[in-house]
Amino acid sequence: MAQFGSQGFQTNQPGFPNQTTAMMHDAQTPAISHQTNENQGATAQLKKDVIEEPFNFNVWKKLLKMIESEEEESRMKLYRQFLDAFPLCVEYWLKAIELTK
């Protein structure tokens, strides 16, 4: 079961014993981006969903798609968090590497 705390989320899922990952601290805080207010609301909701279900691949996939127009730093932060939860997703490692070029 995952728990969210001030340090991020902690879980006792198999393969992730007591792992703490820096998750979004406040999904309500609007990020500086090129998104419309409607998209920012949808992104904020997806961030909340990720906090509630950090191993829900489909929610992560939607969130990563939604943030494509955001600044590189915030995108990279989310990719790192995603890859902490799903380290074997080669496609997303490649996308994260592309951000650093």
Protein backbone atom coordinates (compact mmCIF):
# COMPACT_ATOMS: atom_id res chain seq x y z
CA MET A 1 0.00 0.00 0.00
CA ALA A 2 1.32 3.44 -0.89
CA GLN A 3 1.32 6.36 1.49
CA PHE A 4 1.98 9.98 0.68
CA GLY A 5 4.03 12.04 3.09
CA SER A 6 6.13 15.19 3.12
CA GLN A 7 9.08 13.31 1.60
CA GLY A 8 7.08 11.80 -1.26
CA PHE A 9 5.33 8.47 -1.39
CA GLN A 10 6.36 5.36 0.46
CA THR A 11 5.26 1.91 -0.48
CA ASN A 12 5.71 -1.69 0.54
CA GLN A 13 4.89 -3.03 -2.92
CA PRO A 14 7.02 -6.03 -3.97
CA GLY A 15 10.24 -4.74 -5.48
CA PHE A 16 9.84 -1.32 -3.85
CA PRO A 17 10.40 -1.93 -0.12
CA ASN A 18 10.19 1.30 1.85
CA GLN A 19 11.12 3.28 -1.24
CA THR A 20 10.58 7.02 -1.00
CA THR A 21 10.18 8.92 -4.23
CA ALA A 22 9.87 12.66 -4.58
CA MET A 23 6.32 13.02 -5.86
CA MET A 24 4.35 16.13 -6.59
CA HIS A 25 4.08 17.99 -3.30
CA ASP A 26 0.98 19.93 -4.25
CA ALA A 27 -1.02 18.96 -7.30
CA GLN A 28 -3.08 22.14 -6.87
CA THR A 29 -0.13 24.47 -7.44
CA PRO A 30 -0.27 25.67 -11.04
CA ALA A 31 2.97 24.96 -12.87
CA ILE A 32 4.38 27.50 -15.27
CA SER A 33 3.44 26.06 -18.61
CA HIS A 34 1.90 26.74 -21.96
CA GLN A 35 -1.26 24.84 -21.09
CA THR A 36 -4.74 26.33 -21.03
CA ASN A 37 -6.61 26.54 -17.73
CA GLU A 38 -8.66 23.50 -18.75
CA ASN A 39 -5.53 21.46 -19.45
CA GLN A 40 -3.95 22.65 -16.20
CA GLY A 41 -7.02 21.40 -14.33
CA ALA A 42 -6.81 18.04 -16.07
CA THR A 43 -3.07 17.84 -15.35
CA ALA A 44 -3.63 18.70 -11.68
CA GLN A 45 -6.27 15.96 -11.45
CA LEU A 46 -3.92 13.42 -13.04
CA LYS A 47 -1.18 14.41 -10.57
CA LYS A 48 -3.63 13.78 -7.71
CA ASP A 49 -4.51 10.42 -9.25
CA VAL A 50 -0.82 9.49 -9.45
CA ILE A 51 -0.38 10.34 -5.78
CA GLU A 52 -3.37 8.16 -4.88
CA GLU A 53 -2.32 5.29 -7.18
CA PRO A 54 1.42 5.58 -7.85
CA PHE A 55 1.57 2.25 -9.70
CA ASN A 56 -1.33 2.92 -12.08
CA PHE A 57 0.43 2.82 -15.44
CA ASN A 58 -2.52 4.22 -17.39
CA VAL A 59 -2.76 7.34 -15.21
CA TRP A 60 0.97 7.94 -15.56
CA LYS A 61 0.75 7.47 -19.33
CA LYS A 62 -2.02 10.09 -19.57
CA LEU A 63 -0.10 12.50 -17.32
CA LEU A 64 3.11 12.19 -19.32
CA LYS A 65 1.14 12.83 -22.52
CA MET A 66 -0.52 15.92 -20.99
CA ILE A 67 2.78 17.53 -19.93
CA GLU A 68 4.46 17.39 -23.33
CA SER A 69 4.16 21.18 -23.68
CA GLU A 70 5.55 21.99 -20.23
CA GLU A 71 9.07 23.14 -19.49
CA GLU A 72 11.84 20.58 -19.73
CA GLU A 73 12.66 20.65 -16.01
CA SER A 74 9.13 19.82 -14.85
CA ARG A 75 8.79 17.14 -17.54
CA MET A 76 12.08 15.56 -16.50
CA LYS A 77 10.98 15.54 -12.85
CA LEU A 78 7.83 13.61 -13.76
CA TYR A 79 9.76 11.19 -15.99
CA ARG A 80 12.12 10.44 -13.07
CA GLN A 81 9.16 9.79 -10.79
CA PHE A 82 7.50 7.56 -13.40
CA LEU A 83 10.72 5.61 -13.95
CA ASP A 84 11.12 5.09 -10.20
CA ALA A 85 7.77 3.31 -10.24
CA PHE A 86 8.25 1.56 -13.63
CA PRO A 87 12.00 1.11 -14.12
CA LEU A 88 11.67 -1.43 -16.94
CA CYS A 89 9.77 0.86 -19.35
CA VAL A 90 12.46 1.33 -21.97
CA GLU A 91 10.27 3.56 -24.16
CA TYR A 92 10.03 6.13 -21.36
CA TRP A 93 13.76 5.93 -20.57
CA LEU A 94 14.38 6.84 -24.19
CA LYS A 95 11.93 9.76 -23.97
CA ALA A 96 13.65 10.99 -20.80
CA ILE A 97 17.05 10.75 -22.51
CA GLU A 98 15.71 12.79 -25.43
CA LEU A 99 14.84 15.59 -22.98
CA THR A 100 18.46 15.88 -21.92
CA LYS A 101 19.77 16.42 -25.44
